[in-house]
Amino acid sequence: MNNFDNTIMIYLKNERGVAVPIHVNITDRIHVLLIEAATIRVLHRGSLHGKALYYKGRRLNEDDVIGDVGIKFYDTVRLQTIETSSAETKSPQAAGDDSIVAIDDGPIERHEIKNRPLPLDEIFP
């Protein structure tokens, strides 16, 4: 059997809607997709910590075989934040983590926005 017979093209898509085509073998494990996602900078910013691959709403295990989970030519696999139940989530302080916690200071005032496109009424009064 030729290696090309097992090769399919699928799309890896992130939460912002950016999709990138990749070629994989149907006998590869999902771990190969995670490695591909880690090397493609347009799919993520920084670490993949807290992210997982989902196919048709189902979270994929790294040890699953691509062909066994039903992924076919031109299918889309999503890279998204891991869905956790509220019982599993805990605050960074409770976990002893020194992470920075975002503080909401309210809406951004118009004069604070930089490098924004100007509205047409400001360009053509």
PDB file of N, CA and C in Angstrom:
ATOM      1  N   MET A   1       0.844  -1.187   0.000  1.00  0.00           N
ATOM      2  CA  MET A   1       0.000   0.000   0.000  1.00  0.00           C
ATOM      3  C   MET A   1       0.887   1.247   0.000  1.00  0.00           C
ATOM      4  N   ASN A   2       0.587   2.170  -0.836  1.00  0.00           N
ATOM      5  CA  ASN A   2       1.349   3.396  -0.973  1.00  0.00           C
ATOM      6  C   ASN A   2       1.053   4.328   0.199  1.00  0.00           C
ATOM      7  N   ASN A   3       2.065   5.066   0.659  1.00  0.00           N
ATOM      8  CA  ASN A   3       1.897   5.996   1.768  1.00  0.00           C
ATOM      9  C   ASN A   3       0.905   7.104   1.431  1.00  0.00           C
ATOM     10  N   PHE A   4       0.787   7.457   0.136  1.00  0.00           N
ATOM     11  CA  PHE A   4      -0.142   8.510  -0.264  1.00  0.00           C
ATOM     12  C   PHE A   4      -1.596   8.074  -0.094  1.00  0.00           C
ATOM     13  N   ASP A   5      -1.851   6.769  -0.097  1.00  0.00           N
ATOM     14  CA  ASP A   5      -3.214   6.277   0.091  1.00  0.00           C
ATOM     15  C   ASP A   5      -3.743   6.596   1.485  1.00  0.00           C
ATOM     16  N   ASN A   6      -2.835   6.729   2.454  1.00  0.00           N
ATOM     17  CA  ASN A   6      -3.230   7.003   3.833  1.00  0.00           C
ATOM     18  C   ASN A   6      -3.216   8.489   4.172  1.00  0.00           C
ATOM     19  N   THR A   7      -2.754   9.331   3.257  1.00  0.00           N
ATOM     20  CA  THR A   7      -2.614  10.757   3.533  1.00  0.00           C
ATOM     21  C   THR A   7      -3.921  11.491   3.258  1.00  0.00           C
ATOM     22  N   ILE A   8      -4.313  12.321   4.230  1.00  0.00           N
ATOM     23  CA  ILE A   8      -5.502  13.159   4.059  1.00  0.00           C
ATOM     24  C   ILE A   8      -5.136  14.600   4.402  1.00  0.00           C
ATOM     25  N   MET A   9      -5.915  15.530   3.876  1.00  0.00           N
ATOM     26  CA  MET A   9      -5.752  16.926   4.235  1.00  0.00           C
ATOM     27  C   MET A   9      -6.916  17.305   5.135  1.00  0.00           C
ATOM     28  N   ILE A  10      -6.582  17.876   6.292  1.00  0.00           N
ATOM     29  CA  ILE A  10      -7.616  18.353   7.214  1.00  0.00           C
ATOM     30  C   ILE A  10      -7.284  19.794   7.580  1.00  0.00           C
ATOM     31  N   TYR A  11      -8.194  20.433   8.266  1.00  0.00           N
ATOM     32  CA  TYR A  11      -7.990  21.810   8.714  1.00  0.00           C
ATOM     33  C   TYR A  11      -7.900  21.840  10.231  1.00  0.00           C
ATOM     34  N   LEU A  12      -6.902  22.554  10.744  1.00  0.00           N
ATOM     35  CA  LEU A  12      -6.825  22.877  12.162  1.00  0.00           C
ATOM     36  C   LEU A  12      -7.358  24.291  12.301  1.00  0.00           C
ATOM     37  N   LYS A  13      -8.339  24.479  13.174  1.00  0.00           N
ATOM     38  CA  LYS A  13      -8.989  25.781  13.317  1.00  0.00           C
ATOM     39  C   LYS A  13      -8.949  26.207  14.778  1.00  0.00           C
ATOM     40  N   ASN A  14      -8.617  27.487  15.016  1.00  0.00           N
ATOM     41  CA  ASN A  14      -8.568  27.977  16.390  1.00  0.00           C
ATOM     42  C   ASN A  14      -9.861  28.685  16.771  1.00  0.00           C
ATOM     43  N   GLU A  15      -9.900  29.225  17.979  1.00  0.00           N
ATOM     44  CA  GLU A  15     -11.112  29.873  18.493  1.00  0.00           C
ATOM     45  C   GLU A  15     -11.414  31.195  17.797  1.00  0.00           C
ATOM     46  N   ARG A  16     -10.432  31.786  17.151  1.00  0.00           N
ATOM     47  CA  ARG A  16     -10.643  33.044  16.427  1.00  0.00           C
ATOM     48  C   ARG A  16     -11.116  32.810  15.006  1.00  0.00           C
ATOM     49  N   GLY A  17     -11.191  31.539  14.589  1.00  0.00           N
ATOM     50  CA  GLY A  17     -11.683  31.216  13.259  1.00  0.00           C
ATOM     51  C   GLY A  17     -10.612  31.041  12.209  1.00  0.00           C
ATOM     52  N   VAL A  18      -9.335  31.122  12.606  1.00  0.00           N
ATOM     53  CA  VAL A  18      -8.242  30.922  11.662  1.00  0.00           C
ATOM     54  C   VAL A  18      -8.090  29.425  11.411  1.00  0.00           C
ATOM     55  N   ALA A  19      -8.139  29.027  10.144  1.00  0.00           N
ATOM     56  CA  ALA A  19      -8.003  27.614   9.783  1.00  0.00           C
ATOM     57  C   ALA A  19      -6.776  27.429   8.898  1.00  0.00           C
ATOM     58  N   VAL A  20      -6.019  26.383   9.176  1.00  0.00           N
ATOM     59  CA  VAL A  20      -4.807  26.081   8.429  1.00  0.00           C
ATOM     60  C   VAL A  20      -4.893  24.640   7.929  1.00  0.00           C
ATOM     61  N   PRO A  21      -4.673  24.425   6.621  1.00  0.00           N
ATOM     62  CA  PRO A  21      -4.693  23.049   6.114  1.00  0.00           C
ATOM     63  C   PRO A  21      -3.394  22.323   6.460  1.00  0.00           C
ATOM     64  N   ILE A  22      -3.517  21.058   6.847  1.00  0.00           N
ATOM     65  CA  ILE A  22      -2.334  20.230   7.092  1.00  0.00           C
ATOM     66  C   ILE A  22      -2.569  18.847   6.498  1.00  0.00           C
ATOM     67  N   HIS A  23      -1.486  18.175   6.169  1.00  0.00           N
ATOM     68  CA  HIS A  23      -1.550  16.814   5.635  1.00  0.00           C
ATOM     69  C   HIS A  23      -1.080  15.849   6.712  1.00  0.00           C
ATOM     70  N   VAL A  24      -1.873  14.821   6.974  1.00  0.00           N
ATOM     71  CA  VAL A  24      -1.541  13.804   7.966  1.00  0.00           C
ATOM     72  C   VAL A  24      -1.902  12.431   7.414  1.00  0.00           C
ATOM     73  N   ASN A  25      -1.395  11.409   8.052  1.00  0.00           N
ATOM     74  CA  ASN A  25      -1.771  10.042   7.712  1.00  0.00           C
ATOM     75  C   ASN A  25      -2.926   9.614   8.608  1.00  0.00           C
ATOM     76  N   ILE A  26      -3.823   8.814   8.083  1.00  0.00           N
ATOM     77  CA  ILE A  26      -4.956   8.359   8.898  1.00  0.00           C
ATOM     78  C   ILE A  26      -4.498   7.410   9.999  1.00  0.00           C
ATOM     79  N   THR A  27      -3.271   6.912   9.887  1.00  0.00           N
ATOM     80  CA  THR A  27      -2.734   6.028  10.920  1.00  0.00           C
ATOM     81  C   THR A  27      -1.962   6.788  11.998  1.00  0.00           C
ATOM     82  N   ASP A  28      -1.812   8.116  11.836  1.00  0.00           N
ATOM     83  CA  ASP A  28      -1.137   8.936  12.847  1.00  0.00           C
ATOM     84  C   ASP A  28      -2.022   9.078  14.074  1.00  0.00           C
ATOM     85  N   ARG A  29      -1.393   9.377  15.185  1.00  0.00           N
ATOM     86  CA  ARG A  29      -2.128   9.633  16.425  1.00  0.00           C
ATOM     87  C   ARG A  29      -2.442  11.130  16.532  1.00  0.00           C
ATOM     88  N   ILE A  30      -3.405  11.466  17.368  1.00  0.00           N
ATOM     89  CA  ILE A  30      -3.812  12.861  17.574  1.00  0.00           C
ATOM     90  C   ILE A  30      -2.629  13.698  18.065  1.00  0.00           C
ATOM     91  N   HIS A  31      -1.687  13.069  18.734  1.00  0.00           N
ATOM     92  CA  HIS A  31      -0.490  13.764  19.207  1.00  0.00           C
ATOM     93  C   HIS A  31       0.221  14.490  18.060  1.00  0.00           C
ATOM     94  N   VAL A  32       0.180  13.918  16.859  1.00  0.00           N
ATOM     95  CA  VAL A  32       0.788  14.550  15.682  1.00  0.00           C
ATOM     96  C   VAL A  32       0.096  15.881  15.389  1.00  0.00           C
ATOM     97  N   LEU A  33      -1.221  15.938  15.555  1.00  0.00           N
ATOM     98  CA  LEU A  33      -1.954  17.191  15.330  1.00  0.00           C
ATOM     99  C   LEU A  33      -1.552  18.248  16.356  1.00  0.00           C
ATOM    100  N   LEU A  34      -1.341  17.827  17.604  1.00  0.00           N
ATOM    101  CA  LEU A  34      -0.906  18.776  18.630  1.00  0.00           C
ATOM    102  C   LEU A  34       0.480  19.330  18.307  1.00  0.00           C
ATOM    103  N   ILE A  35       1.352  18.485  17.802  1.00  0.00           N
ATOM    104  CA  ILE A  35       2.688  18.951  17.405  1.00  0.00           C
ATOM    105  C   ILE A  35       2.572  19.947  16.256  1.00  0.00           C
ATOM    106  N   GLU A  36       1.730  19.649  15.282  1.00  0.00           N
ATOM    107  CA  GLU A  36       1.504  20.581  14.167  1.00  0.00           C
ATOM    108  C   GLU A  36       0.959  21.909  14.686  1.00  0.00           C
ATOM    109  N   ALA A  37      -0.023  21.844  15.582  1.00  0.00           N
ATOM    110  CA  ALA A  37      -0.619  23.068  16.130  1.00  0.00           C
ATOM    111  C   ALA A  37       0.422  23.893  16.875  1.00  0.00           C
ATOM    112  N   ALA A  38       1.330  23.232  17.572  1.00  0.00           N
ATOM    113  CA  ALA A  38       2.361  23.938  18.332  1.00  0.00           C
ATOM    114  C   ALA A  38       3.347  24.661  17.424  1.00  0.00           C
ATOM    115  N   THR A  39       3.534  24.158  16.215  1.00  0.00           N
ATOM    116  CA  THR A  39       4.509  24.775  15.310  1.00  0.00           C
ATOM    117  C   THR A  39       3.899  25.823  14.392  1.00  0.00           C
ATOM    118  N   ILE A  40       2.586  25.923  14.361  1.00  0.00           N
ATOM    119  CA  ILE A  40       1.917  26.889  13.478  1.00  0.00           C
ATOM    120  C   ILE A  40       1.525  28.108  14.310  1.00  0.00           C
ATOM    121  N   ARG A  41       2.267  29.199  14.170  1.00  0.00           N
ATOM    122  CA  ARG A  41       2.089  30.378  15.026  1.00  0.00           C
ATOM    123  C   ARG A  41       0.766  31.108  14.814  1.00  0.00           C
ATOM    124  N   VAL A  42       0.147  30.993  13.648  1.00  0.00           N
ATOM    125  CA  VAL A  42      -1.120  31.698  13.441  1.00  0.00           C
ATOM    126  C   VAL A  42      -2.266  31.036  14.197  1.00  0.00           C
ATOM    127  N   LEU A  43      -2.072  29.816  14.660  1.00  0.00           N
ATOM    128  CA  LEU A  43      -3.142  29.123  15.378  1.00  0.00           C
ATOM    129  C   LEU A  43      -3.204  29.484  16.850  1.00  0.00           C
ATOM    130  N   HIS A  44      -2.085  29.849  17.432  1.00  0.00           N
ATOM    131  CA  HIS A  44      -2.081  30.140  18.867  1.00  0.00           C
ATOM    132  C   HIS A  44      -1.048  31.208  19.167  1.00  0.00           C
ATOM    133  N   ARG A  45      -1.209  31.796  20.318  1.00  0.00           N
ATOM    134  CA  ARG A  45      -0.239  32.781  20.794  1.00  0.00           C
ATOM    135  C   ARG A  45       0.342  32.238  22.091  1.00  0.00           C
ATOM    136  N   GLY A  46       1.572  31.826  22.045  1.00  0.00           N
ATOM    137  CA  GLY A  46       2.212  31.306  23.249  1.00  0.00           C
ATOM    138  C   GLY A  46       1.991  29.821  23.430  1.00  0.00           C
ATOM    139  N   SER A  47       1.727  29.444  24.653  1.00  0.00           N
ATOM    140  CA  SER A  47       1.637  28.037  25.033  1.00  0.00           C
ATOM    141  C   SER A  47       0.303  27.411  24.640  1.00  0.00           C
ATOM    142  N   LEU A  48       0.325  26.099  24.473  1.00  0.00           N
ATOM    143  CA  LEU A  48      -0.912  25.348  24.244  1.00  0.00           C
ATOM    144  C   LEU A  48      -1.484  24.836  25.561  1.00  0.00           C
ATOM    145  N   HIS A  49      -0.912  25.262  26.682  1.00  0.00           N
ATOM    146  CA  HIS A  49      -1.411  24.853  27.992  1.00  0.00           C
ATOM    147  C   HIS A  49      -2.867  25.295  28.136  1.00  0.00           C
ATOM    148  N   GLY A  50      -3.718  24.381  28.526  1.00  0.00           N
ATOM    149  CA  GLY A  50      -5.139  24.696  28.674  1.00  0.00           C
ATOM    150  C   GLY A  50      -5.931  24.556  27.388  1.00  0.00           C
ATOM    151  N   LYS A  51      -5.293  24.062  26.329  1.00  0.00           N
ATOM    152  CA  LYS A  51      -5.964  23.871  25.039  1.00  0.00           C
ATOM    153  C   LYS A  51      -6.057  22.379  24.734  1.00  0.00           C
ATOM    154  N   ALA A  52      -7.029  22.025  23.912  1.00  0.00           N
ATOM    155  CA  ALA A  52      -7.193  20.642  23.465  1.00  0.00           C
ATOM    156  C   ALA A  52      -7.785  20.655  22.067  1.00  0.00           C
ATOM    157  N   LEU A  53      -7.719  19.521  21.410  1.00  0.00           N
ATOM    158  CA  LEU A  53      -8.305  19.372  20.081  1.00  0.00           C
ATOM    159  C   LEU A  53      -9.681  18.741  20.209  1.00  0.00           C
ATOM    160  N   TYR A  54     -10.634  19.284  19.447  1.00  0.00           N
ATOM    161  CA  TYR A  54     -12.011  18.796  19.456  1.00  0.00           C
ATOM    162  C   TYR A  54     -12.434  18.488  18.026  1.00  0.00           C
ATOM    163  N   TYR A  55     -13.178  17.400  17.885  1.00  0.00           N
ATOM    164  CA  TYR A  55     -13.723  17.024  16.584  1.00  0.00           C
ATOM    165  C   TYR A  55     -15.195  16.699  16.775  1.00  0.00           C
ATOM    166  N   LYS A  56     -16.049  17.458  16.092  1.00  0.00           N
ATOM    167  CA  LYS A  56     -17.501  17.308  16.196  1.00  0.00           C
ATOM    168  C   LYS A  56     -17.968  17.351  17.652  1.00  0.00           C
ATOM    169  N   GLY A  57     -17.402  18.296  18.412  1.00  0.00           N
ATOM    170  CA  GLY A  57     -17.801  18.510  19.792  1.00  0.00           C
ATOM    171  C   GLY A  57     -17.181  17.556  20.795  1.00  0.00           C
ATOM    172  N   ARG A  58     -16.406  16.604  20.347  1.00  0.00           N
ATOM    173  CA  ARG A  58     -15.794  15.609  21.235  1.00  0.00           C
ATOM    174  C   ARG A  58     -14.318  15.930  21.418  1.00  0.00           C
ATOM    175  N   ARG A  59     -13.876  15.943  22.672  1.00  0.00           N
ATOM    176  CA  ARG A  59     -12.463  16.183  22.951  1.00  0.00           C
ATOM    177  C   ARG A  59     -11.660  14.949  22.549  1.00  0.00           C
ATOM    178  N   LEU A  60     -10.577  15.179  21.813  1.00  0.00           N
ATOM    179  CA  LEU A  60      -9.752  14.082  21.324  1.00  0.00           C
ATOM    180  C   LEU A  60      -8.628  13.770  22.300  1.00  0.00           C
ATOM    181  N   ASN A  61      -8.378  12.497  22.497  1.00  0.00           N
ATOM    182  CA  ASN A  61      -7.290  12.029  23.342  1.00  0.00           C
ATOM    183  C   ASN A  61      -6.023  11.956  22.493  1.00  0.00           C
ATOM    184  N   GLU A  62      -4.877  12.283  23.074  1.00  0.00           N
ATOM    185  CA  GLU A  62      -3.612  12.274  22.327  1.00  0.00           C
ATOM    186  C   GLU A  62      -3.279  10.910  21.744  1.00  0.00           C
ATOM    187  N   ASP A  63      -3.746   9.842  22.370  1.00  0.00           N
ATOM    188  CA  ASP A  63      -3.416   8.488  21.921  1.00  0.00           C
ATOM    189  C   ASP A  63      -4.379   7.954  20.870  1.00  0.00           C
ATOM    190  N   ASP A  64      -5.463   8.672  20.588  1.00  0.00           N
ATOM    191  CA  ASP A  64      -6.420   8.227  19.570  1.00  0.00           C
ATOM    192  C   ASP A  64      -5.760   8.246  18.193  1.00  0.00           C
ATOM    193  N   VAL A  65      -6.176   7.330  17.334  1.00  0.00           N
ATOM    194  CA  VAL A  65      -5.697   7.291  15.951  1.00  0.00           C
ATOM    195  C   VAL A  65      -6.649   8.133  15.102  1.00  0.00           C
ATOM    196  N   ILE A  66      -6.098   8.954  14.224  1.00  0.00           N
ATOM    197  CA  ILE A  66      -6.890   9.894  13.425  1.00  0.00           C
ATOM    198  C   ILE A  66      -8.015   9.189  12.676  1.00  0.00           C
ATOM    199  N   GLY A  67      -7.718   8.088  12.007  1.00  0.00           N
ATOM    200  CA  GLY A  67      -8.741   7.360  11.256  1.00  0.00           C
ATOM    201  C   GLY A  67      -9.784   6.704  12.144  1.00  0.00           C
ATOM    202  N   ASP A  68      -9.396   6.297  13.349  1.00  0.00           N
ATOM    203  CA  ASP A  68     -10.325   5.612  14.254  1.00  0.00           C
ATOM    204  C   ASP A  68     -11.386   6.538  14.846  1.00  0.00           C
ATOM    205  N   VAL A  69     -11.082   7.833  14.965  1.00  0.00           N
ATOM    206  CA  VAL A  69     -12.071   8.764  15.524  1.00  0.00           C
ATOM    207  C   VAL A  69     -12.993   9.325  14.448  1.00  0.00           C
ATOM    208  N   GLY A  70     -12.781   8.910  13.195  1.00  0.00           N
ATOM    209  CA  GLY A  70     -13.685   9.296  12.116  1.00  0.00           C
ATOM    210  C   GLY A  70     -13.279  10.522  11.328  1.00  0.00           C
ATOM    211  N   ILE A  71     -12.093  11.048  11.564  1.00  0.00           N
ATOM    212  CA  ILE A  71     -11.626  12.218  10.817  1.00  0.00           C
ATOM    213  C   ILE A  71     -11.331  11.793   9.388  1.00  0.00           C
ATOM    214  N   LYS A  72     -11.927  12.554   8.442  1.00  0.00           N
ATOM    215  CA  LYS A  72     -11.775  12.232   7.023  1.00  0.00           C
ATOM    216  C   LYS A  72     -11.215  13.439   6.272  1.00  0.00           C
ATOM    217  N   PHE A  73     -10.977  13.247   4.996  1.00  0.00           N
ATOM    218  CA  PHE A  73     -10.456  14.291   4.119  1.00  0.00           C
ATOM    219  C   PHE A  73     -11.313  15.552   4.231  1.00  0.00           C
ATOM    220  N   TYR A  74     -10.681  16.705   4.364  1.00  0.00           N
ATOM    221  CA  TYR A  74     -11.292  18.041   4.452  1.00  0.00           C
ATOM    222  C   TYR A  74     -12.061  18.295   5.746  1.00  0.00           C
ATOM    223  N   ASP A  75     -12.000  17.419   6.727  1.00  0.00           N
ATOM    224  CA  ASP A  75     -12.663  17.674   8.009  1.00  0.00           C
ATOM    225  C   ASP A  75     -11.897  18.744   8.781  1.00  0.00           C
ATOM    226  N   THR A  76     -12.577  19.355   9.757  1.00  0.00           N
ATOM    227  CA  THR A  76     -11.975  20.397  10.579  1.00  0.00           C
ATOM    228  C   THR A  76     -11.851  19.913  12.013  1.00  0.00           C
ATOM    229  N   VAL A  77     -10.653  20.075  12.567  1.00  0.00           N
ATOM    230  CA  VAL A  77     -10.384  19.776  13.971  1.00  0.00           C
ATOM    231  C   VAL A  77     -10.124  21.111  14.640  1.00  0.00           C
ATOM    232  N   ARG A  78     -10.797  21.352  15.758  1.00  0.00           N
ATOM    233  CA  ARG A  78     -10.699  22.648  16.429  1.00  0.00           C
ATOM    234  C   ARG A  78      -9.720  22.606  17.599  1.00  0.00           C
ATOM    235  N   LEU A  79      -8.898  23.648  17.689  1.00  0.00           N
ATOM    236  CA  LEU A  79      -8.026  23.863  18.836  1.00  0.00           C
ATOM    237  C   LEU A  79      -8.726  24.885  19.709  1.00  0.00           C
ATOM    238  N   GLN A  80      -9.137  24.482  20.899  1.00  0.00           N
ATOM    239  CA  GLN A  80      -9.866  25.409  21.754  1.00  0.00           C
ATOM    240  C   GLN A  80      -9.558  25.152  23.220  1.00  0.00           C
ATOM    241  N   THR A  81      -9.998  26.076  24.051  1.00  0.00           N
ATOM    242  CA  THR A  81      -9.777  25.981  25.480  1.00  0.00           C
ATOM    243  C   THR A  81     -10.489  24.758  26.036  1.00  0.00           C
ATOM    244  N   ILE A  82      -9.816  24.069  26.944  1.00  0.00           N
ATOM    245  CA  ILE A  82     -10.393  22.867  27.548  1.00  0.00           C
ATOM    246  C   ILE A  82     -11.616  23.248  28.356  1.00  0.00           C
ATOM    247  N   GLU A  83     -12.699  22.532  28.112  1.00  0.00           N
ATOM    248  CA  GLU A  83     -13.941  22.764  28.841  1.00  0.00           C
ATOM    249  C   GLU A  83     -13.854  22.041  30.172  1.00  0.00           C
ATOM    250  N   THR A  84     -13.950  22.798  31.270  1.00  0.00           N
ATOM    251  CA  THR A  84     -13.898  22.194  32.599  1.00  0.00           C
ATOM    252  C   THR A  84     -15.176  22.512  33.344  1.00  0.00           C
ATOM    253  N   SER A  85     -15.521  21.643  34.255  1.00  0.00           N
ATOM    254  CA  SER A  85     -16.697  21.903  35.080  1.00  0.00           C
ATOM    255  C   SER A  85     -16.312  22.896  36.161  1.00  0.00           C
ATOM    256  N   SER A  86     -17.287  23.547  36.762  1.00  0.00           N
ATOM    257  CA  SER A  86     -17.012  24.558  37.782  1.00  0.00           C
ATOM    258  C   SER A  86     -16.348  23.942  39.005  1.00  0.00           C
ATOM    259  N   ALA A  87     -16.574  22.656  39.263  1.00  0.00           N
ATOM    260  CA  ALA A  87     -15.946  21.994  40.403  1.00  0.00           C
ATOM    261  C   ALA A  87     -14.447  21.827  40.183  1.00  0.00           C
ATOM    262  N   GLU A  88     -14.024  21.728  38.920  1.00  0.00           N
ATOM    263  CA  GLU A  88     -12.614  21.540  38.622  1.00  0.00           C
ATOM    264  C   GLU A  88     -11.847  22.850  38.619  1.00  0.00           C
ATOM    265  N   THR A  89     -12.524  23.953  38.384  1.00  0.00           N
ATOM    266  CA  THR A  89     -11.837  25.236  38.297  1.00  0.00           C
ATOM    267  C   THR A  89     -11.589  25.783  39.688  1.00  0.00           C
ATOM    268  N   LYS A  90     -10.436  26.406  39.847  1.00  0.00           N
ATOM    269  CA  LYS A  90     -10.112  27.029  41.115  1.00  0.00           C
ATOM    270  C   LYS A  90      -9.315  28.287  40.842  1.00  0.00           C
ATOM    271  N   SER A  91      -9.309  29.181  41.791  1.00  0.00           N
ATOM    272  CA  SER A  91      -8.607  30.439  41.589  1.00  0.00           C
ATOM    273  C   SER A  91      -7.106  30.203  41.630  1.00  0.00           C
ATOM    274  N   PRO A  92      -6.326  31.045  40.943  1.00  0.00           N
ATOM    275  CA  PRO A  92      -4.872  30.885  40.961  1.00  0.00           C
ATOM    276  C   PRO A  92      -4.294  30.997  42.368  1.00  0.00           C
ATOM    277  N   GLN A  93      -4.878  31.843  43.213  1.00  0.00           N
ATOM    278  CA  GLN A  93      -4.373  32.003  44.566  1.00  0.00           C
ATOM    279  C   GLN A  93      -4.591  30.732  45.378  1.00  0.00           C
ATOM    280  N   ALA A  94      -5.729  30.063  45.170  1.00  0.00           N
ATOM    281  CA  ALA A  94      -6.010  28.830  45.899  1.00  0.00           C
ATOM    282  C   ALA A  94      -5.057  27.725  45.475  1.00  0.00           C
ATOM    283  N   ALA A  95      -4.611  27.766  44.240  1.00  0.00           N
ATOM    284  CA  ALA A  95      -3.709  26.740  43.735  1.00  0.00           C
ATOM    285  C   ALA A  95      -2.251  27.055  44.074  1.00  0.00           C
ATOM    286  N   GLY A  96      -2.005  28.217  44.675  1.00  0.00           N
ATOM    287  CA  GLY A  96      -0.643  28.606  44.972  1.00  0.00           C
ATOM    288  C   GLY A  96       0.088  29.129  43.747  1.00  0.00           C
ATOM    289  N   ASP A  97      -0.650  29.478  42.730  1.00  0.00           N
ATOM    290  CA  ASP A  97      -0.087  29.953  41.474  1.00  0.00           C
ATOM    291  C   ASP A  97       0.150  31.457  41.574  1.00  0.00           C
ATOM    292  N   ASP A  98       1.254  31.921  41.038  1.00  0.00           N
ATOM    293  CA  ASP A  98       1.561  33.349  41.059  1.00  0.00           C
ATOM    294  C   ASP A  98       1.137  34.042  39.780  1.00  0.00           C
ATOM    295  N   SER A  99       0.149  33.497  39.080  1.00  0.00           N
ATOM    296  CA  SER A  99      -0.311  34.075  37.823  1.00  0.00           C
ATOM    297  C   SER A  99      -0.949  35.433  38.058  1.00  0.00           C
ATOM    298  N   ILE A 100      -0.893  36.256  37.030  1.00  0.00           N
ATOM    299  CA  ILE A 100      -1.536  37.561  37.085  1.00  0.00           C
ATOM    300  C   ILE A 100      -3.016  37.375  36.795  1.00  0.00           C
ATOM    301  N   VAL A 101      -3.848  37.921  37.641  1.00  0.00           N
ATOM    302  CA  VAL A 101      -5.289  37.828  37.460  1.00  0.00           C
ATOM    303  C   VAL A 101      -5.768  39.132  36.843  1.00  0.00           C
ATOM    304  N   ALA A 102      -6.552  39.040  35.774  1.00  0.00           N
ATOM    305  CA  ALA A 102      -7.048  40.231  35.088  1.00  0.00           C
ATOM    306  C   ALA A 102      -8.060  40.961  35.961  1.00  0.00           C
ATOM    307  N   ILE A 103      -7.971  42.266  35.966  1.00  0.00           N
ATOM    308  CA  ILE A 103      -8.916  43.100  36.703  1.00  0.00           C
ATOM    309  C   ILE A 103      -9.656  43.949  35.691  1.00  0.00           C
ATOM    310  N   ASP A 104     -10.968  43.936  35.759  1.00  0.00           N
ATOM    311  CA  ASP A 104     -11.777  44.701  34.819  1.00  0.00           C
ATOM    312  C   ASP A 104     -11.916  46.119  35.339  1.00  0.00           C
ATOM    313  N   ASP A 105     -11.319  47.072  34.625  1.00  0.00           N
ATOM    314  CA  ASP A 105     -11.402  48.477  35.008  1.00  0.00           C
ATOM    315  C   ASP A 105     -12.518  49.207  34.291  1.00  0.00           C
ATOM    316  N   GLY A 106     -13.405  48.472  33.661  1.00  0.00           N
ATOM    317  CA  GLY A 106     -14.511  49.102  32.963  1.00  0.00           C
ATOM    318  C   GLY A 106     -14.191  49.319  31.498  1.00  0.00           C
ATOM    319  N   PRO A 107     -15.072  50.015  30.792  1.00  0.00           N
ATOM    320  CA  PRO A 107     -14.878  50.207  29.356  1.00  0.00           C
ATOM    321  C   PRO A 107     -13.696  51.127  29.058  1.00  0.00           C
ATOM    322  N   ILE A 108     -13.112  50.944  27.900  1.00  0.00           N
ATOM    323  CA  ILE A 108     -12.012  51.796  27.453  1.00  0.00           C
ATOM    324  C   ILE A 108     -12.613  53.068  26.866  1.00  0.00           C
ATOM    325  N   GLU A 109     -12.122  54.190  27.320  1.00  0.00           N
ATOM    326  CA  GLU A 109     -12.602  55.463  26.800  1.00  0.00           C
ATOM    327  C   GLU A 109     -12.085  55.663  25.384  1.00  0.00           C
ATOM    328  N   ARG A 110     -12.803  56.427  24.601  1.00  0.00           N
ATOM    329  CA  ARG A 110     -12.457  56.622  23.197  1.00  0.00           C
ATOM    330  C   ARG A 110     -11.059  57.206  23.028  1.00  0.00           C
ATOM    331  N   HIS A 111     -10.649  58.137  23.892  1.00  0.00           N
ATOM    332  CA  HIS A 111      -9.340  58.761  23.735  1.00  0.00           C
ATOM    333  C   HIS A 111      -8.196  57.807  24.091  1.00  0.00           C
ATOM    334  N   GLU A 112      -8.506  56.663  24.724  1.00  0.00           N
ATOM    335  CA  GLU A 112      -7.473  55.699  25.078  1.00  0.00           C
ATOM    336  C   GLU A 112      -7.150  54.743  23.933  1.00  0.00           C
ATOM    337  N   ILE A 113      -7.999  54.670  22.939  1.00  0.00           N
ATOM    338  CA  ILE A 113      -7.794  53.727  21.845  1.00  0.00           C
ATOM    339  C   ILE A 113      -6.762  54.302  20.886  1.00  0.00           C
ATOM    340  N   LYS A 114      -5.704  53.532  20.644  1.00  0.00           N
ATOM    341  CA  LYS A 114      -4.642  53.972  19.742  1.00  0.00           C
ATOM    342  C   LYS A 114      -4.644  53.081  18.519  1.00  0.00           C
ATOM    343  N   ASN A 115      -4.158  53.623  17.417  1.00  0.00           N
ATOM    344  CA  ASN A 115      -4.054  52.883  16.161  1.00  0.00           C
ATOM    345  C   ASN A 115      -5.399  52.328  15.709  1.00  0.00           C
ATOM    346  N   ARG A 116      -6.437  53.085  15.915  1.00  0.00           N
ATOM    347  CA  ARG A 116      -7.763  52.645  15.475  1.00  0.00           C
ATOM    348  C   ARG A 116      -8.079  53.319  14.149  1.00  0.00           C
ATOM    349  N   PRO A 117      -8.859  52.670  13.303  1.00  0.00           N
ATOM    350  CA  PRO A 117      -9.270  53.340  12.071  1.00  0.00           C
ATOM    351  C   PRO A 117     -10.210  54.499  12.407  1.00  0.00           C
ATOM    352  N   LEU A 118     -10.039  55.597  11.714  1.00  0.00           N
ATOM    353  CA  LEU A 118     -10.889  56.758  11.964  1.00  0.00           C
ATOM    354  C   LEU A 118     -12.248  56.571  11.301  1.00  0.00           C
ATOM    355  N   PRO A 119     -13.318  56.980  11.980  1.00  0.00           N
ATOM    356  CA  PRO A 119     -14.636  56.939  11.346  1.00  0.00           C
ATOM    357  C   PRO A 119     -14.681  57.918  10.174  1.00  0.00           C
ATOM    358  N   LEU A 120     -15.510  57.621   9.203  1.00  0.00           N
ATOM    359  CA  LEU A 120     -15.601  58.467   8.010  1.00  0.00           C
ATOM    360  C   LEU A 120     -16.005  59.898   8.335  1.00  0.00           C
ATOM    361  N   ASP A 121     -16.839  60.108   9.365  1.00  0.00           N
ATOM    362  CA  ASP A 121     -17.258  61.471   9.698  1.00  0.00           C
ATOM    363  C   ASP A 121     -16.099  62.303  10.251  1.00  0.00           C
ATOM    364  N   GLU A 122     -15.045  61.671  10.772  1.00  0.00           N
ATOM    365  CA  GLU A 122     -13.866  62.410  11.212  1.00  0.00           C
ATOM    366  C   GLU A 122     -12.926  62.701  10.038  1.00  0.00           C
ATOM    367  N   ILE A 123     -12.947  61.841   9.030  1.00  0.00           N
ATOM    368  CA  ILE A 123     -12.095  62.047   7.864  1.00  0.00           C
ATOM    369  C   ILE A 123     -12.722  63.067   6.920  1.00  0.00           C
ATOM    370  N   PHE A 124     -14.027  62.913   6.661  1.00  0.00           N
ATOM    371  CA  PHE A 124     -14.765  63.806   5.769  1.00  0.00           C
ATOM    372  C   PHE A 124     -15.880  64.483   6.556  1.00  0.00           C
ATOM    373  N   PRO A 125     -15.576  65.618   7.205  1.00  0.00           N
ATOM    374  CA  PRO A 125     -16.609  66.287   8.035  1.00  0.00           C
ATOM    375  C   PRO A 125     -17.750  66.870   7.228  1.00  0.00           C
TER     376      PRO A 125
END
